[in-house]
N, C-alpha and C. Protein backbone atom coordinates (compact mmCIF):
# COMPACT_ATOMS: atom_id res chain seq x y z
N ASP A 1 0.83 -1.18 0.00
CA ASP A 1 0.00 0.00 0.00
C ASP A 1 0.88 1.25 0.00
N ARG A 2 0.43 2.23 -0.77
CA ARG A 2 1.14 3.50 -0.82
C ARG A 2 0.28 4.56 -0.14
N GLY A 3 0.94 5.48 0.46
CA GLY A 3 0.23 6.62 1.02
C GLY A 3 -0.12 7.61 -0.07
N PRO A 4 -0.98 8.57 0.22
CA PRO A 4 -1.35 9.58 -0.77
C PRO A 4 -0.13 10.38 -1.21
N GLY A 5 -0.05 10.65 -2.50
CA GLY A 5 1.04 11.47 -3.04
C GLY A 5 2.33 10.72 -3.30
N VAL A 6 2.36 9.42 -3.06
CA VAL A 6 3.58 8.63 -3.29
C VAL A 6 3.51 8.06 -4.71
N GLU A 7 4.56 8.28 -5.50
CA GLU A 7 4.60 7.78 -6.87
C GLU A 7 4.87 6.27 -6.87
N PRO A 8 4.17 5.52 -7.73
CA PRO A 8 4.44 4.08 -7.81
C PRO A 8 5.81 3.82 -8.43
N ALA A 9 6.41 2.71 -8.07
CA ALA A 9 7.71 2.32 -8.62
C ALA A 9 7.57 0.95 -9.28
N ALA A 10 8.22 0.77 -10.42
CA ALA A 10 8.21 -0.51 -11.13
C ALA A 10 9.60 -1.12 -11.05
N TYR A 11 9.65 -2.42 -10.77
CA TYR A 11 10.91 -3.15 -10.68
C TYR A 11 10.83 -4.38 -11.57
N PRO A 12 11.79 -4.58 -12.46
CA PRO A 12 11.76 -5.78 -13.30
C PRO A 12 12.00 -7.03 -12.45
N LEU A 13 11.22 -8.06 -12.70
CA LEU A 13 11.36 -9.31 -11.97
C LEU A 13 12.19 -10.34 -12.72
N ALA A 14 12.24 -10.19 -14.04
CA ALA A 14 13.01 -11.15 -14.85
C ALA A 14 13.38 -10.48 -16.17
N ASP A 15 14.50 -10.90 -16.74
CA ASP A 15 14.94 -10.42 -18.05
C ASP A 15 14.54 -11.42 -19.13
N GLY A 16 14.46 -10.93 -20.36
CA GLY A 16 14.24 -11.82 -21.50
C GLY A 16 12.82 -12.28 -21.69
N ILE A 17 11.84 -11.60 -21.10
CA ILE A 17 10.43 -11.97 -21.26
C ILE A 17 9.78 -10.99 -22.22
N ALA A 18 9.21 -11.54 -23.30
CA ALA A 18 8.57 -10.70 -24.31
C ALA A 18 7.07 -10.56 -24.07
N GLY A 19 6.45 -11.53 -23.40
CA GLY A 19 5.01 -11.46 -23.19
C GLY A 19 4.53 -12.37 -22.09
N LEU A 20 3.38 -12.03 -21.54
CA LEU A 20 2.74 -12.81 -20.49
C LEU A 20 1.25 -12.84 -20.77
N GLU A 21 0.67 -14.02 -20.71
CA GLU A 21 -0.76 -14.17 -20.95
C GLU A 21 -1.37 -15.00 -19.82
N VAL A 22 -2.45 -14.54 -19.24
CA VAL A 22 -3.16 -15.28 -18.19
C VAL A 22 -4.61 -15.40 -18.63
N ARG A 23 -5.13 -16.62 -18.60
CA ARG A 23 -6.53 -16.87 -18.97
C ARG A 23 -7.18 -17.72 -17.89
N TYR A 24 -8.50 -17.58 -17.77
CA TYR A 24 -9.25 -18.23 -16.69
C TYR A 24 -10.38 -19.06 -17.30
N ALA A 25 -10.60 -20.26 -16.77
CA ALA A 25 -11.69 -21.13 -17.23
C ALA A 25 -12.88 -20.99 -16.30
N ASP A 26 -14.06 -20.79 -16.89
CA ASP A 26 -15.28 -20.66 -16.08
C ASP A 26 -15.91 -22.05 -15.86
N GLU A 27 -17.09 -22.08 -15.29
CA GLU A 27 -17.79 -23.34 -14.98
C GLU A 27 -18.00 -24.21 -16.20
N ASP A 28 -18.22 -23.59 -17.36
CA ASP A 28 -18.48 -24.34 -18.59
C ASP A 28 -17.20 -24.70 -19.34
N GLY A 29 -16.04 -24.29 -18.83
CA GLY A 29 -14.78 -24.58 -19.48
C GLY A 29 -14.38 -23.55 -20.53
N ALA A 30 -15.16 -22.46 -20.64
CA ALA A 30 -14.81 -21.40 -21.59
C ALA A 30 -13.71 -20.53 -20.99
N TRP A 31 -12.73 -20.14 -21.82
CA TRP A 31 -11.60 -19.36 -21.36
C TRP A 31 -11.85 -17.87 -21.54
N SER A 32 -11.41 -17.08 -20.57
CA SER A 32 -11.58 -15.63 -20.58
C SER A 32 -10.29 -14.97 -20.12
N GLU A 33 -10.04 -13.75 -20.59
CA GLU A 33 -8.85 -13.01 -20.17
C GLU A 33 -9.08 -12.21 -18.89
N ARG A 34 -10.32 -12.19 -18.40
CA ARG A 34 -10.65 -11.45 -17.17
C ARG A 34 -11.39 -12.37 -16.21
N TRP A 35 -11.18 -12.11 -14.93
CA TRP A 35 -11.96 -12.83 -13.92
C TRP A 35 -12.43 -11.87 -12.87
N PRO A 36 -13.66 -11.94 -12.46
CA PRO A 36 -14.71 -12.81 -12.99
C PRO A 36 -15.21 -12.28 -14.33
N PRO A 37 -15.61 -13.17 -15.23
CA PRO A 37 -16.01 -12.74 -16.57
C PRO A 37 -17.31 -11.96 -16.59
N ASP A 38 -18.21 -12.24 -15.68
CA ASP A 38 -19.51 -11.54 -15.68
C ASP A 38 -19.93 -11.11 -14.27
N ARG A 39 -18.94 -10.76 -13.48
CA ARG A 39 -19.15 -10.25 -12.12
C ARG A 39 -19.69 -11.29 -11.13
N ARG A 40 -19.65 -12.56 -11.51
CA ARG A 40 -20.00 -13.61 -10.55
C ARG A 40 -18.84 -13.82 -9.61
N GLY A 41 -19.13 -14.25 -8.43
CA GLY A 41 -18.08 -14.53 -7.46
C GLY A 41 -17.52 -15.93 -7.65
N GLY A 42 -16.65 -16.31 -6.77
CA GLY A 42 -16.08 -17.65 -6.80
C GLY A 42 -14.77 -17.73 -7.56
N LEU A 43 -14.20 -18.92 -7.52
CA LEU A 43 -12.92 -19.15 -8.17
C LEU A 43 -13.11 -19.69 -9.58
N PRO A 44 -12.15 -19.44 -10.46
CA PRO A 44 -12.22 -20.09 -11.77
C PRO A 44 -11.94 -21.58 -11.63
N ARG A 45 -12.31 -22.33 -12.64
CA ARG A 45 -12.02 -23.76 -12.65
C ARG A 45 -10.55 -24.04 -12.81
N ALA A 46 -9.90 -23.22 -13.65
CA ALA A 46 -8.48 -23.39 -13.92
C ALA A 46 -7.90 -22.06 -14.38
N ILE A 47 -6.58 -21.96 -14.31
CA ILE A 47 -5.85 -20.78 -14.79
C ILE A 47 -4.75 -21.27 -15.72
N ARG A 48 -4.64 -20.62 -16.88
CA ARG A 48 -3.56 -20.95 -17.82
C ARG A 48 -2.63 -19.74 -17.91
N VAL A 49 -1.35 -19.98 -17.65
CA VAL A 49 -0.34 -18.93 -17.69
C VAL A 49 0.64 -19.27 -18.81
N ALA A 50 0.85 -18.31 -19.73
CA ALA A 50 1.80 -18.52 -20.82
C ALA A 50 2.81 -17.38 -20.81
N VAL A 51 4.08 -17.73 -20.88
CA VAL A 51 5.16 -16.75 -20.92
C VAL A 51 5.88 -16.93 -22.25
N THR A 52 6.02 -15.84 -23.01
CA THR A 52 6.79 -15.86 -24.24
C THR A 52 8.13 -15.20 -23.97
N LEU A 53 9.19 -15.94 -24.25
CA LEU A 53 10.53 -15.43 -24.02
C LEU A 53 11.00 -14.59 -25.20
N ALA A 54 12.03 -13.80 -24.99
CA ALA A 54 12.55 -12.91 -26.02
C ALA A 54 13.02 -13.69 -27.26
N ASP A 55 13.46 -14.94 -27.08
CA ASP A 55 13.92 -15.73 -28.22
C ASP A 55 12.78 -16.43 -28.96
N GLY A 56 11.53 -16.19 -28.53
CA GLY A 56 10.36 -16.76 -29.18
C GLY A 56 9.84 -18.03 -28.53
N ALA A 57 10.58 -18.63 -27.63
CA ALA A 57 10.12 -19.84 -26.94
C ALA A 57 8.91 -19.49 -26.08
N ARG A 58 8.00 -20.43 -25.95
CA ARG A 58 6.78 -20.19 -25.17
C ARG A 58 6.65 -21.27 -24.10
N LEU A 59 6.44 -20.85 -22.87
CA LEU A 59 6.22 -21.75 -21.74
C LEU A 59 4.78 -21.59 -21.31
N GLU A 60 4.07 -22.68 -21.17
CA GLU A 60 2.67 -22.62 -20.79
C GLU A 60 2.40 -23.60 -19.66
N ARG A 61 1.65 -23.15 -18.65
CA ARG A 61 1.28 -23.99 -17.51
C ARG A 61 -0.22 -23.89 -17.28
N LEU A 62 -0.81 -25.00 -16.95
CA LEU A 62 -2.24 -25.07 -16.63
C LEU A 62 -2.35 -25.43 -15.15
N ILE A 63 -3.07 -24.61 -14.40
CA ILE A 63 -3.24 -24.83 -12.97
C ILE A 63 -4.73 -25.10 -12.73
N VAL A 64 -5.06 -26.33 -12.35
CA VAL A 64 -6.44 -26.69 -12.10
C VAL A 64 -6.76 -26.39 -10.66
N LEU A 65 -7.80 -25.60 -10.44
CA LEU A 65 -8.16 -25.18 -9.08
C LEU A 65 -9.28 -26.05 -8.50
N ARG A 66 -10.14 -26.56 -9.33
CA ARG A 66 -11.23 -27.41 -8.83
C ARG A 66 -11.84 -28.22 -9.95
């Protein structure tokens, strides 16, 4: 948390990352880039995280929550 009037600071966490994609699966298994997709509460069924590296390689992980 920042106090009023304090400028935010950004710090790189890793080098060589060209892109990051996070998607969420709803109850029906449909994927969305936002959660919650329609303002419903609860957890998504799964989360898919994809990292694209600067050399073009892509790493993708699927995390099943329920």
